[in-house]
Protein backbone atom coordinates (compact mmCIF):
# COMPACT_ATOMS: atom_id res chain seq x y z
CA MET A 1 22.85 43.02 10.34
CA LYS A 2 24.58 42.11 7.10
CA LYS A 3 24.53 38.43 6.03
CA THR A 4 26.23 36.81 3.03
CA PHE A 5 25.62 33.47 1.33
CA GLU A 6 27.99 32.05 -1.30
CA ALA A 7 26.91 29.43 -3.85
CA THR A 8 29.54 27.39 -5.68
CA SER A 9 29.06 25.36 -8.86
CA ALA A 10 30.78 25.92 -12.21
CA ASN A 11 30.65 29.54 -11.08
CA ILE A 12 30.79 31.23 -7.68
CA LEU A 13 28.09 33.76 -6.82
CA SER A 14 27.35 35.44 -3.50
CA VAL A 15 24.40 37.39 -2.23
CA THR A 16 24.60 39.83 0.67
CA VAL A 17 21.45 41.14 2.34
CA GLU A 18 20.89 43.78 4.98
CA THR A 19 17.89 45.65 6.38
CA ASN A 20 17.23 47.95 9.28
CA THR A 21 13.45 47.93 8.82
CA PRO A 22 10.96 48.52 10.28
CA LYS A 23 11.55 52.18 10.95
CA GLY A 24 7.93 53.31 10.99
CA GLY A 25 7.33 54.57 7.48
CA ASP A 26 8.79 55.54 4.16
CA THR A 27 12.42 56.12 3.24
CA GLY A 28 12.36 59.45 5.11
CA HIS A 29 12.19 57.49 8.36
CA GLY A 30 15.56 55.90 7.55
CA GLY A 31 14.52 52.36 6.68
CA LYS A 32 16.60 50.68 4.03
CA THR A 33 17.06 47.22 2.57
CA VAL A 34 20.07 46.33 0.41
CA ILE A 35 20.61 43.21 -1.67
CA THR A 36 23.91 42.68 -3.50
CA PHE A 37 24.90 39.93 -5.93
CA LYS A 38 28.63 39.51 -6.53
CA ASP A 39 30.53 37.35 -9.02
CA HIS A 40 33.53 35.62 -7.47
CA SER A 41 34.31 33.40 -10.46
CA SER A 42 32.86 32.74 -13.91
CA THR A 43 29.34 34.07 -13.31
CA ASN A 44 27.69 35.32 -16.49
CA MET A 45 25.80 38.23 -14.94
CA ARG A 46 24.39 41.19 -16.85
CA ILE A 47 22.10 44.12 -16.13
CA LYS A 48 19.85 46.33 -18.16
CA SER A 49 18.76 49.58 -16.54
CA ASP A 50 16.32 52.32 -17.50
CA ASN A 51 18.41 53.97 -20.20
CA ASP A 52 20.13 50.88 -21.59
CA SER A 53 19.00 49.12 -24.73
CA THR A 54 21.20 46.07 -24.11
CA TYR A 55 22.41 43.97 -21.19
CA ASN A 56 25.85 44.92 -19.87
CA ASN A 57 28.30 42.60 -18.10
CA VAL A 58 28.86 43.37 -14.42
CA GLU A 59 30.73 41.81 -11.53
CA GLU A 60 28.47 43.21 -8.81
CA ILE A 61 24.87 44.43 -8.58
CA SER A 62 23.47 46.27 -5.54
CA LEU A 63 19.86 47.30 -5.10
CA LEU A 64 18.69 49.62 -2.32
CA PHE A 65 15.03 49.83 -1.31
CA GLY A 66 14.08 52.68 1.02
CA GLY A 67 11.17 52.29 3.44
CA ASP A 68 9.18 49.68 5.31
CA THR A 69 6.65 48.82 2.61
CA GLU A 70 9.43 48.62 0.03
CA TYR A 71 10.99 45.90 2.21
CA GLU A 72 7.65 44.08 2.36
CA THR A 73 6.98 44.24 -1.38
CA LEU A 74 10.58 43.25 -2.16
CA ILE A 75 10.20 40.10 -0.02
CA ARG A 76 6.92 39.18 -1.75
CA CYS A 77 8.47 39.72 -5.18
CA LEU A 78 11.57 37.66 -4.31
CA LYS A 79 9.38 34.80 -3.02
CA PHE A 80 7.42 34.89 -6.28
CA ALA A 81 10.67 34.92 -8.29
CA VAL A 82 12.09 31.89 -6.45
CA TYR A 83 8.82 29.95 -6.76
CA GLU A 84 8.39 30.74 -10.45
CA LEU A 85 12.03 30.11 -11.42
CA GLU A 86 12.06 26.73 -9.64
CA LYS A 87 8.76 25.79 -11.30
CA GLN A 88 9.95 26.80 -14.77
CA HIS A 89 13.29 25.01 -14.28
CA TYR A 90 11.45 21.83 -13.27
CA GLU A 91 9.09 22.10 -16.25
CA ASN A 92 12.03 22.68 -18.60
CA THR A 93 13.79 19.62 -17.16
CA ILE A 94 10.77 17.46 -17.92
CA THR A 95 10.29 18.96 -21.40
CA ASN A 96 13.97 18.76 -22.38
CA ASN A 97 14.49 15.14 -21.31
């Protein structure tokens, strides 16, 4: 089931997530998880992939992870990212004020 959340501030950014896991194994069993970030207005969003030496502007980024354990490790990595970004933002707020 596909779900989308839209965040509005000085920019508008949405994230859409979808998974059909668990499917009982690796990507060959058909399990997939997709996460897409989309700029709807004024979002400064860039990507750098394997062969790029610089960040390139984009309006939409989609990542597909195939398999059950890929879903599990993605969730753990996203939880870490949220925790660490909120912590660093808080620390920067204290330091910069």
